[in-house]
Amino acid sequence: MELTVPKKDLLKLVQRMQGVAERKSTMPVLSNVLLAVDGPSALRVAATDLYLALIGRIPVEVSKGGSVAVPAKDLLERIRNMPEGPIHLASLDNATTTIKAAGSARRYTLRGMPGDDFPPLPSPSEGSPSLALDVGVLQELIAKTHFSISNDETRAHLNSALFEWDGDVVRMVTTDGHRLSKMEVKVTGRQASATMLIPLKAIQELRRLCDDLAAESKEGGKAQLQITQSGSSAFFQGGGMSFAVRLVDAQFPPYTQVIPAQSEKIVRVPRGAFADALSGRQRAHGRRKAGAVPGHHAHHHRVARERRGLRRDPHRVRRPHHDHRLQRQVLPGRAGGPRRRGSRAGPGRRARSGGRASGGPAAVPGRRHAHAYLSGRAYAGRACASSRSSR
């Protein structure tokens, strides 16, 4: 495979693939990005984790066709370090890919994998029903409901968002078991019916895709996404990108039973004033929780000292500090000192008392060092003696 592509276009497309490419997986190929020549003047870039798949196409100058899979993170770092301008990509038969800047000596080599080893990418079946939705509408639905999705991946029905298209109403509902968010928008002139349970990771990637498409369409008008549900997967296509999602096979909680159909009391408050009051209350709660309220920290220290005083035994004699002067108190006596019962002194071995072994040279009478040990109530008169012998 040999081709030339502008750095700006390739860098933007490879950056989008980073969220889908699996960095920590038992299958090394899932951490790669597929580069495949698609037609006489197009390059297809794809990434998948077997649950999500993102595919994009950009125009290039093709010299030789082929495909190769290279590590996604390494490819992104190499492209970032290339100078502005066209980039020349070439891959050999052993999947070694060379990245070279046109008109520059900078060059990188990456060890890749054959493109045939990359997992097959999903595609919608023919005749599947599709819906056209403005990117701004889907962007608003996700922005106002995604925070209520649970992060617990073991509870699949809460770790996802419910997307419903009922007639001319588009709705998204999320919940984590404690909070519930519901947002619906009326789409005039369009009638459809669809129900999808989209996982959290797909919602995050779909939100990034909508943000990119909205930023690109500021000059050219409103962008749209073509939504297709085919079997257990959903496909979102727009702006030269195709995003495939494997839907969650679970039962979403019956949110209609939680939200009351009628309410006796309805309170309307100004949004700005209410948000400001909540923000001030949150700051005060955070300071109190961190112990920054004046007098709060000192009060807890005083209570802790009082509790320690109640637990203290007034009749207990505290152990005095160790006096190092008692370590080498010289007392006259016989050499060797008393031997402790049960000591394992033997030939060539020192006794626990510190004297020489019984099988060693004869001890010469000399000084005896009494090691005084401190007890919990008073000084112990009993000492374990050791001797020094000199030749």
Protein backbone atom coordinates (compact mmCIF):
# COMPACT_ATOMS: atom_id res chain seq x y z
CA MET A 1 0.00 0.00 0.00
CA GLU A 2 1.31 3.44 -0.96
CA LEU A 3 -0.53 6.74 -0.74
CA THR A 4 -0.15 10.44 0.03
CA VAL A 5 -2.54 12.21 2.41
CA PRO A 6 -2.63 15.67 4.02
CA LYS A 7 -1.51 15.61 7.65
CA LYS A 8 -4.48 17.67 8.87
CA ASP A 9 -7.10 15.26 7.50
CA LEU A 10 -5.34 12.10 8.66
CA LEU A 11 -4.61 13.49 12.13
CA LYS A 12 -8.24 14.48 12.68
CA LEU A 13 -9.53 11.07 11.65
CA VAL A 14 -7.00 9.10 13.73
CA GLN A 15 -7.83 11.22 16.79
CA ARG A 16 -11.48 10.21 16.50
CA MET A 17 -10.50 6.53 16.52
CA GLN A 18 -8.72 6.70 19.89
CA GLY A 19 -11.94 6.42 21.91
CA VAL A 20 -13.03 3.22 20.14
CA ALA A 21 -9.71 1.39 19.85
CA GLU A 22 -9.30 -0.92 22.86
CA ARG A 23 -5.99 -0.19 24.61
CA LYS A 24 -6.12 -3.03 27.15
CA SER A 25 -7.44 -6.15 25.50
CA THR A 26 -6.52 -9.81 25.23
CA MET A 27 -6.71 -9.38 21.43
CA PRO A 28 -3.81 -7.18 20.28
CA VAL A 29 -5.53 -6.41 16.98
CA LEU A 30 -8.24 -4.43 18.80
CA SER A 31 -5.69 -1.79 19.81
CA ASN A 32 -4.90 -1.16 16.15
CA VAL A 33 -6.38 1.11 13.50
CA LEU A 34 -7.17 -0.26 10.07
CA LEU A 35 -5.81 1.68 7.09
CA ALA A 36 -7.29 0.40 3.82
CA VAL A 37 -7.44 1.87 0.34
CA ASP A 38 -11.11 2.26 -0.62
CA GLY A 39 -11.45 3.02 -4.30
CA PRO A 40 -9.14 4.93 -6.56
CA SER A 41 -8.81 8.03 -4.35
CA ALA A 42 -10.04 7.28 -0.83
CA LEU A 43 -8.57 5.92 2.40
CA ARG A 44 -10.76 4.10 4.90
CA VAL A 45 -9.75 4.33 8.57
CA ALA A 46 -11.55 2.10 11.09
CA ALA A 47 -11.36 1.03 14.73
CA THR A 48 -13.45 -1.44 16.75
CA ASP A 49 -13.66 -3.14 20.14
CA LEU A 50 -16.19 -5.76 18.93
CA TYR A 51 -19.04 -3.71 20.49
CA LEU A 52 -18.44 -0.34 18.85
CA ALA A 53 -17.07 0.40 15.40
CA LEU A 54 -16.10 3.75 13.89
CA ILE A 55 -15.35 4.13 10.20
CA GLY A 56 -14.21 7.24 8.34
CA ARG A 57 -13.08 8.09 4.83
CA ILE A 58 -10.82 10.84 3.51
CA PRO A 59 -9.60 11.66 -0.02
CA VAL A 60 -5.99 10.66 -0.77
CA GLU A 61 -3.65 10.13 -3.72
CA VAL A 62 -3.32 6.37 -4.14
CA SER A 63 -0.21 4.88 -5.72
CA LYS A 64 -0.80 1.27 -4.69
CA GLY A 65 -3.74 -0.43 -3.00
CA GLY A 66 -3.74 -2.61 0.09
CA SER A 67 -4.51 -2.57 3.81
CA VAL A 68 -2.62 -2.69 7.10
CA ALA A 69 -3.43 -2.45 10.81
CA VAL A 70 -1.10 -0.32 12.95
CA PRO A 71 -1.20 0.57 16.69
CA ALA A 72 -3.63 3.47 17.20
CA LYS A 73 -1.68 5.33 19.90
CA ASP A 74 1.69 5.00 18.16
CA LEU A 75 0.23 6.16 14.87
CA LEU A 76 -1.29 9.25 16.50
CA GLU A 77 1.99 10.23 18.16
CA ARG A 78 3.95 9.84 14.90
CA ILE A 79 1.49 11.90 12.89
CA ARG A 80 1.53 14.68 15.48
CA ASN A 81 5.32 14.93 15.23
CA MET A 82 5.27 15.23 11.46
CA PRO A 83 5.61 18.70 9.87
CA GLU A 84 2.61 20.32 8.22
CA GLY A 85 1.92 19.23 4.68
CA PRO A 86 1.40 15.96 2.81
CA ILE A 87 2.43 12.64 4.39
CA HIS A 88 3.54 9.59 2.46
CA LEU A 89 2.41 6.19 3.81
CA ALA A 90 3.85 2.92 2.56
CA SER A 91 3.47 -0.63 3.88
CA LEU A 92 5.44 -3.73 2.95
CA ASP A 93 4.33 -7.35 2.72
CA ASN A 94 5.35 -7.99 6.36
CA ALA A 95 3.00 -5.18 7.53
CA THR A 96 5.86 -2.80 8.30
CA THR A 97 4.53 0.72 7.72
CA THR A 98 6.69 3.73 6.93
CA ILE A 99 5.50 7.28 7.57
CA LYS A 100 7.48 9.99 5.80
CA ALA A 101 6.92 13.70 5.39
CA ALA A 102 7.10 15.00 1.84
CA GLY A 103 10.08 17.29 1.41
CA SER A 104 11.55 16.41 4.83
CA ALA A 105 13.98 13.84 6.19
CA ARG A 106 11.71 12.93 9.11
CA ARG A 107 10.64 9.31 8.93
CA TYR A 108 9.00 6.75 11.23
CA THR A 109 8.56 3.00 10.98
CA LEU A 110 5.79 1.04 12.71
CA ARG A 111 5.36 -2.70 13.09
CA GLY A 112 1.80 -3.52 12.12
CA MET A 113 -0.42 -6.47 11.29
CA PRO A 114 -1.94 -7.58 7.99
CA GLY A 115 -5.24 -5.91 7.23
CA ASP A 116 -6.90 -9.33 6.75
CA ASP A 117 -6.39 -10.06 10.47
CA PHE A 118 -8.56 -7.09 11.45
CA PRO A 119 -12.07 -8.09 12.67
CA PRO A 120 -14.88 -7.70 10.11
CA LEU A 121 -16.74 -4.41 10.43
CA PRO A 122 -20.56 -4.44 10.76
CA SER A 123 -22.84 -2.92 8.14
CA PRO A 124 -26.62 -2.47 8.01
CA SER A 125 -28.60 -5.01 6.04
CA GLU A 126 -30.51 -3.94 2.97
CA GLY A 127 -34.03 -2.72 3.54
CA SER A 128 -33.50 -1.77 7.19
CA PRO A 129 -35.63 1.20 8.30
CA SER A 130 -33.69 4.45 8.68
CA LEU A 131 -34.46 7.83 10.21
CA ALA A 132 -32.97 11.27 9.56
CA LEU A 133 -32.40 13.43 12.64
CA ASP A 134 -30.72 16.78 13.04
CA VAL A 135 -27.38 16.61 14.86
CA GLY A 136 -28.41 19.49 17.14
CA VAL A 137 -31.47 17.58 18.37
CA LEU A 138 -29.50 14.45 19.23
CA GLN A 139 -26.79 16.60 20.80
CA GLU A 140 -29.35 18.24 23.09
CA LEU A 141 -30.91 14.91 24.07
CA ILE A 142 -27.57 13.48 25.13
CA ALA A 143 -26.39 16.64 26.92
CA LYS A 144 -29.46 16.80 29.16
CA THR A 145 -29.69 13.12 30.10
CA HIS A 146 -26.23 11.46 30.00
CA PHE A 147 -25.32 12.38 33.60
CA SER A 148 -27.98 10.03 34.99
CA ILE A 149 -26.51 6.91 33.40
CA SER A 150 -25.08 4.46 35.93
CA ASN A 151 -21.35 3.65 35.79
CA ASP A 152 -21.93 0.11 37.07
CA GLU A 153 -21.19 -2.14 34.09
CA THR A 154 -22.70 -5.17 35.85
CA ARG A 155 -26.16 -3.58 35.59
CA ALA A 156 -26.53 -3.33 31.82
CA HIS A 157 -30.08 -1.96 31.91
CA LEU A 158 -28.91 1.05 33.97
CA ASN A 159 -25.53 1.43 32.23
CA SER A 160 -27.29 2.57 29.06
CA ALA A 161 -29.68 5.17 27.66
CA LEU A 162 -33.12 4.48 26.22
CA PHE A 163 -33.66 6.16 22.83
CA GLU A 164 -37.24 6.17 21.54
CA TRP A 165 -38.76 7.61 18.39
CA ASP A 166 -42.56 7.52 18.74
CA GLY A 167 -44.37 9.17 15.87
CA ASP A 168 -43.13 12.75 15.73
CA VAL A 169 -41.59 12.69 19.24
CA VAL A 170 -37.96 11.77 19.87
CA ARG A 171 -37.19 10.83 23.49
CA MET A 172 -34.17 9.82 25.59
CA VAL A 173 -34.43 8.47 29.15
CA THR A 174 -31.63 7.56 31.58
CA THR A 175 -31.52 6.44 35.19
CA ASP A 176 -29.03 5.04 37.72
CA GLY A 177 -31.63 3.83 40.24
CA HIS A 178 -31.56 7.10 42.21
CA ARG A 179 -32.02 9.74 39.53
CA LEU A 180 -34.10 9.73 36.37
CA SER A 181 -33.73 12.12 33.43
CA LYS A 182 -36.14 12.39 30.52
CA MET A 183 -35.89 14.65 27.51
CA GLU A 184 -38.17 14.65 24.49
CA VAL A 185 -38.31 16.82 21.37
CA LYS A 186 -41.09 17.06 18.83
CA VAL A 187 -39.91 16.65 15.25
CA THR A 188 -42.40 18.08 12.80
CA GLY A 189 -43.01 16.46 9.45
CA ARG A 190 -41.42 13.11 10.35
CA GLN A 191 -43.13 9.94 11.49
CA ALA A 192 -41.18 6.91 12.65
CA SER A 193 -40.98 4.28 15.35
CA ALA A 194 -37.80 2.92 16.97
CA THR A 195 -36.56 1.81 20.39
CA MET A 196 -32.87 1.40 21.23
CA LEU A 197 -30.93 0.76 24.44
CA ILE A 198 -27.52 2.35 23.81
CA PRO A 199 -24.61 1.59 26.21
CA LEU A 200 -22.75 4.35 28.07
CA LYS A 201 -19.52 4.10 26.08
CA ALA A 202 -21.46 4.45 22.84
CA ILE A 203 -23.29 7.50 24.20
CA GLN A 204 -19.95 9.14 25.01
CA GLU A 205 -18.55 8.46 21.54
CA LEU A 206 -21.81 9.54 19.91
CA ARG A 207 -21.66 12.80 21.82
CA ARG A 208 -18.13 13.49 20.55
CA LEU A 209 -19.22 12.68 17.01
CA CYS A 210 -22.17 15.09 17.25
CA ASP A 211 -19.90 17.84 18.59
CA ASP A 212 -17.47 17.38 15.69
CA LEU A 213 -20.24 17.35 13.08
CA ALA A 214 -21.88 20.43 14.61
CA ALA A 215 -18.57 22.30 14.56
CA GLU A 216 -17.99 21.39 10.91
CA SER A 217 -21.51 22.37 9.84
CA LYS A 218 -21.51 25.91 11.28
CA GLU A 219 -20.64 27.33 7.88
CA GLY A 220 -22.60 24.90 5.71
CA GLY A 221 -25.92 24.78 7.60
CA LYS A 222 -27.49 22.05 9.74
CA ALA A 223 -25.94 18.59 9.72
CA GLN A 224 -28.02 15.43 9.90
CA LEU A 225 -27.44 11.88 11.06
CA GLN A 226 -28.95 8.90 9.36
CA ILE A 227 -30.04 6.43 12.07
CA THR A 228 -30.55 2.81 11.02
CA GLN A 229 -31.54 -0.11 13.25
CA SER A 230 -30.54 -3.46 11.83
CA GLY A 231 -30.99 -6.52 14.03
CA SER A 232 -29.17 -6.04 17.34
CA SER A 233 -27.09 -3.10 16.09
CA ALA A 234 -27.68 0.56 15.37
CA PHE A 235 -25.83 2.68 12.81
CA PHE A 236 -25.32 6.45 12.84
CA GLN A 237 -24.03 7.88 9.56
CA GLY A 238 -23.18 11.46 8.68
CA GLY A 239 -20.34 13.74 7.66
CA GLY A 240 -18.37 10.91 6.07
CA MET A 241 -18.40 8.93 9.33
CA SER A 242 -20.21 5.71 10.18
CA PHE A 243 -20.67 4.69 13.82
CA ALA A 244 -21.97 1.21 14.64
CA VAL A 245 -23.23 0.17 18.10
CA ARG A 246 -24.25 -3.21 19.45
CA LEU A 247 -27.43 -2.51 21.42
CA VAL A 248 -27.96 -3.74 24.97
CA ASP A 249 -30.23 -6.75 25.28
CA ALA A 250 -31.95 -5.89 28.57
CA GLN A 251 -35.21 -4.49 29.91
CA PHE A 252 -35.13 -0.81 30.79
CA PRO A 253 -36.99 0.11 34.02
CA PRO A 254 -40.63 1.22 33.51
CA TYR A 255 -40.01 4.96 33.86
CA THR A 256 -43.65 5.83 33.08
CA GLN A 257 -44.67 4.38 36.46
CA VAL A 258 -42.18 6.60 38.29
CA ILE A 259 -43.13 9.91 36.70
CA PRO A 260 -46.64 10.95 37.82
CA ALA A 261 -49.07 11.76 35.03
CA GLN A 262 -50.65 14.61 37.04
CA SER A 263 -49.31 16.78 39.85
CA GLU A 264 -51.33 18.84 42.31
CA LYS A 265 -48.60 21.38 42.89
CA ILE A 266 -46.21 22.77 40.30
CA VAL A 267 -43.48 25.21 41.29
CA ARG A 268 -41.71 27.34 38.69
CA VAL A 269 -38.49 29.12 39.64
CA PRO A 270 -36.02 31.23 37.63
CA ARG A 271 -33.32 28.94 36.31
CA GLY A 272 -30.42 31.32 36.94
CA ALA A 273 -31.36 32.15 40.52
CA PHE A 274 -32.02 28.50 41.38
CA ALA A 275 -28.68 27.37 39.89
CA ASP A 276 -26.86 30.14 41.82
CA ALA A 277 -28.49 29.07 45.10
CA LEU A 278 -27.50 25.43 44.55
CA SER A 279 -23.94 26.44 43.69
CA GLY A 280 -23.60 28.44 46.92
CA ARG A 281 -25.03 25.62 48.99
CA GLN A 282 -22.63 23.15 47.38
CA ARG A 283 -19.62 25.31 48.27
CA ALA A 284 -20.75 25.63 51.89
CA HIS A 285 -21.30 21.89 52.14
CA GLY A 286 -17.87 21.18 50.68
CA ARG A 287 -16.13 23.50 53.17
CA ARG A 288 -17.97 22.00 56.12
CA LYS A 289 -17.15 18.50 54.94
CA ALA A 290 -13.47 19.39 54.60
CA GLY A 291 -13.34 20.90 58.12
CA ALA A 292 -12.77 24.47 56.95
CA VAL A 293 -15.57 25.99 59.06
CA PRO A 294 -14.05 28.20 61.80
CA GLY A 295 -13.89 26.41 65.16
CA HIS A 296 -15.02 23.13 63.66
CA HIS A 297 -11.56 21.52 63.58
CA ALA A 298 -10.60 22.72 67.10
CA HIS A 299 -13.87 21.43 68.53
CA HIS A 300 -13.18 17.90 67.28
CA HIS A 301 -9.67 17.96 68.74
CA ARG A 302 -11.01 19.03 72.14
CA VAL A 303 -13.62 16.26 72.15
CA ALA A 304 -10.97 13.70 71.19
CA ARG A 305 -8.72 14.79 74.05
CA GLU A 306 -11.60 14.50 76.54
CA ARG A 307 -12.40 11.01 75.34
CA ARG A 308 -8.80 9.93 75.67
CA GLY A 309 -8.78 11.29 79.24
CA LEU A 310 -11.85 9.22 80.14
CA ARG A 311 -10.23 6.05 78.86
CA ARG A 312 -7.02 6.66 80.83
CA ASP A 313 -6.58 4.55 83.97
CA PRO A 314 -5.50 6.83 86.90
CA HIS A 315 -4.05 3.88 88.87
CA ARG A 316 -1.86 2.62 86.08
CA VAL A 317 1.87 3.24 86.52
CA ARG A 318 3.32 4.58 83.31
CA ARG A 319 6.43 2.92 81.97
CA PRO A 320 9.34 5.36 82.46
CA HIS A 321 11.64 6.35 79.67
CA HIS A 322 14.56 4.03 78.98
CA ASP A 323 17.76 5.10 80.74
CA HIS A 324 20.82 4.22 78.68
CA ARG A 325 23.08 4.71 81.71
CA LEU A 326 21.81 1.42 83.16
CA GLN A 327 22.98 -0.52 80.11
CA ARG A 328 26.65 -0.71 81.18
CA GLN A 329 26.54 -0.69 84.96
CA VAL A 330 29.72 -2.45 86.18
CA LEU A 331 29.17 -4.85 89.06
CA PRO A 332 31.77 -7.20 90.57
CA GLY A 333 31.05 -10.86 90.34
CA ARG A 334 31.94 -14.10 88.77
CA ALA A 335 32.61 -14.30 85.08
CA GLY A 336 29.99 -15.58 82.76
CA GLY A 337 27.04 -14.70 85.02
CA PRO A 338 24.01 -16.85 85.56
CA ARG A 339 22.83 -18.94 82.71
CA ARG A 340 19.18 -18.77 81.67
CA ARG A 341 17.16 -21.92 81.87
CA GLY A 342 16.46 -23.46 78.54
CA SER A 343 19.28 -21.70 76.69
CA ARG A 344 20.83 -23.60 73.82
CA ALA A 345 24.45 -22.78 74.50
CA GLY A 346 26.73 -25.38 73.02
CA PRO A 347 30.17 -25.82 71.49
CA GLY A 348 31.00 -22.98 69.15
CA ARG A 349 27.75 -21.19 69.97
CA ARG A 350 27.05 -18.12 72.06
CA ALA A 351 24.51 -18.24 74.83
CA ARG A 352 21.53 -15.86 74.83
CA SER A 353 22.98 -14.10 77.87
CA GLY A 354 25.84 -12.77 75.75
CA GLY A 355 28.67 -14.90 77.27
CA ARG A 356 30.95 -17.30 75.48
CA ALA A 357 29.86 -20.78 74.62
CA SER A 358 30.54 -23.49 77.17
CA GLY A 359 32.73 -25.34 74.70
CA GLY A 360 34.87 -22.29 73.91
CA PRO A 361 37.95 -20.95 75.67
CA ALA A 362 37.82 -20.68 79.43
CA ALA A 363 36.39 -17.43 80.67
CA VAL A 364 38.73 -15.21 82.62
CA PRO A 365 37.20 -13.57 85.70
CA GLY A 366 36.56 -10.00 84.90
CA ARG A 367 33.83 -7.48 84.90
CA ARG A 368 30.19 -8.32 84.76
CA HIS A 369 27.75 -6.07 82.99
CA ALA A 370 24.28 -6.14 84.45
CA HIS A 371 21.55 -5.28 82.01
CA ALA A 372 18.72 -3.76 83.97
CA TYR A 373 15.34 -4.03 82.36
CA LEU A 374 12.43 -1.77 83.10
CA SER A 375 9.08 -3.18 84.12
CA GLY A 376 5.65 -1.56 83.94
CA ARG A 377 5.55 -0.60 87.64
CA ALA A 378 9.10 -0.29 88.96
CA TYR A 379 12.72 -1.14 88.18
CA ALA A 380 13.41 -4.83 88.11
CA GLY A 381 16.23 -5.85 90.36
CA ARG A 382 16.66 -9.00 88.47
CA ALA A 383 19.19 -8.74 85.68
CA CYS A 384 20.44 -10.93 82.93
CA ALA A 385 24.22 -10.77 83.16
CA SER A 386 26.79 -11.06 80.46
CA SER A 387 30.53 -11.10 80.69
CA ARG A 388 33.48 -10.02 78.71
CA SER A 389 36.56 -12.17 78.57
CA SER A 390 39.95 -11.16 77.39
CA ARG A 391 42.74 -13.35 76.30
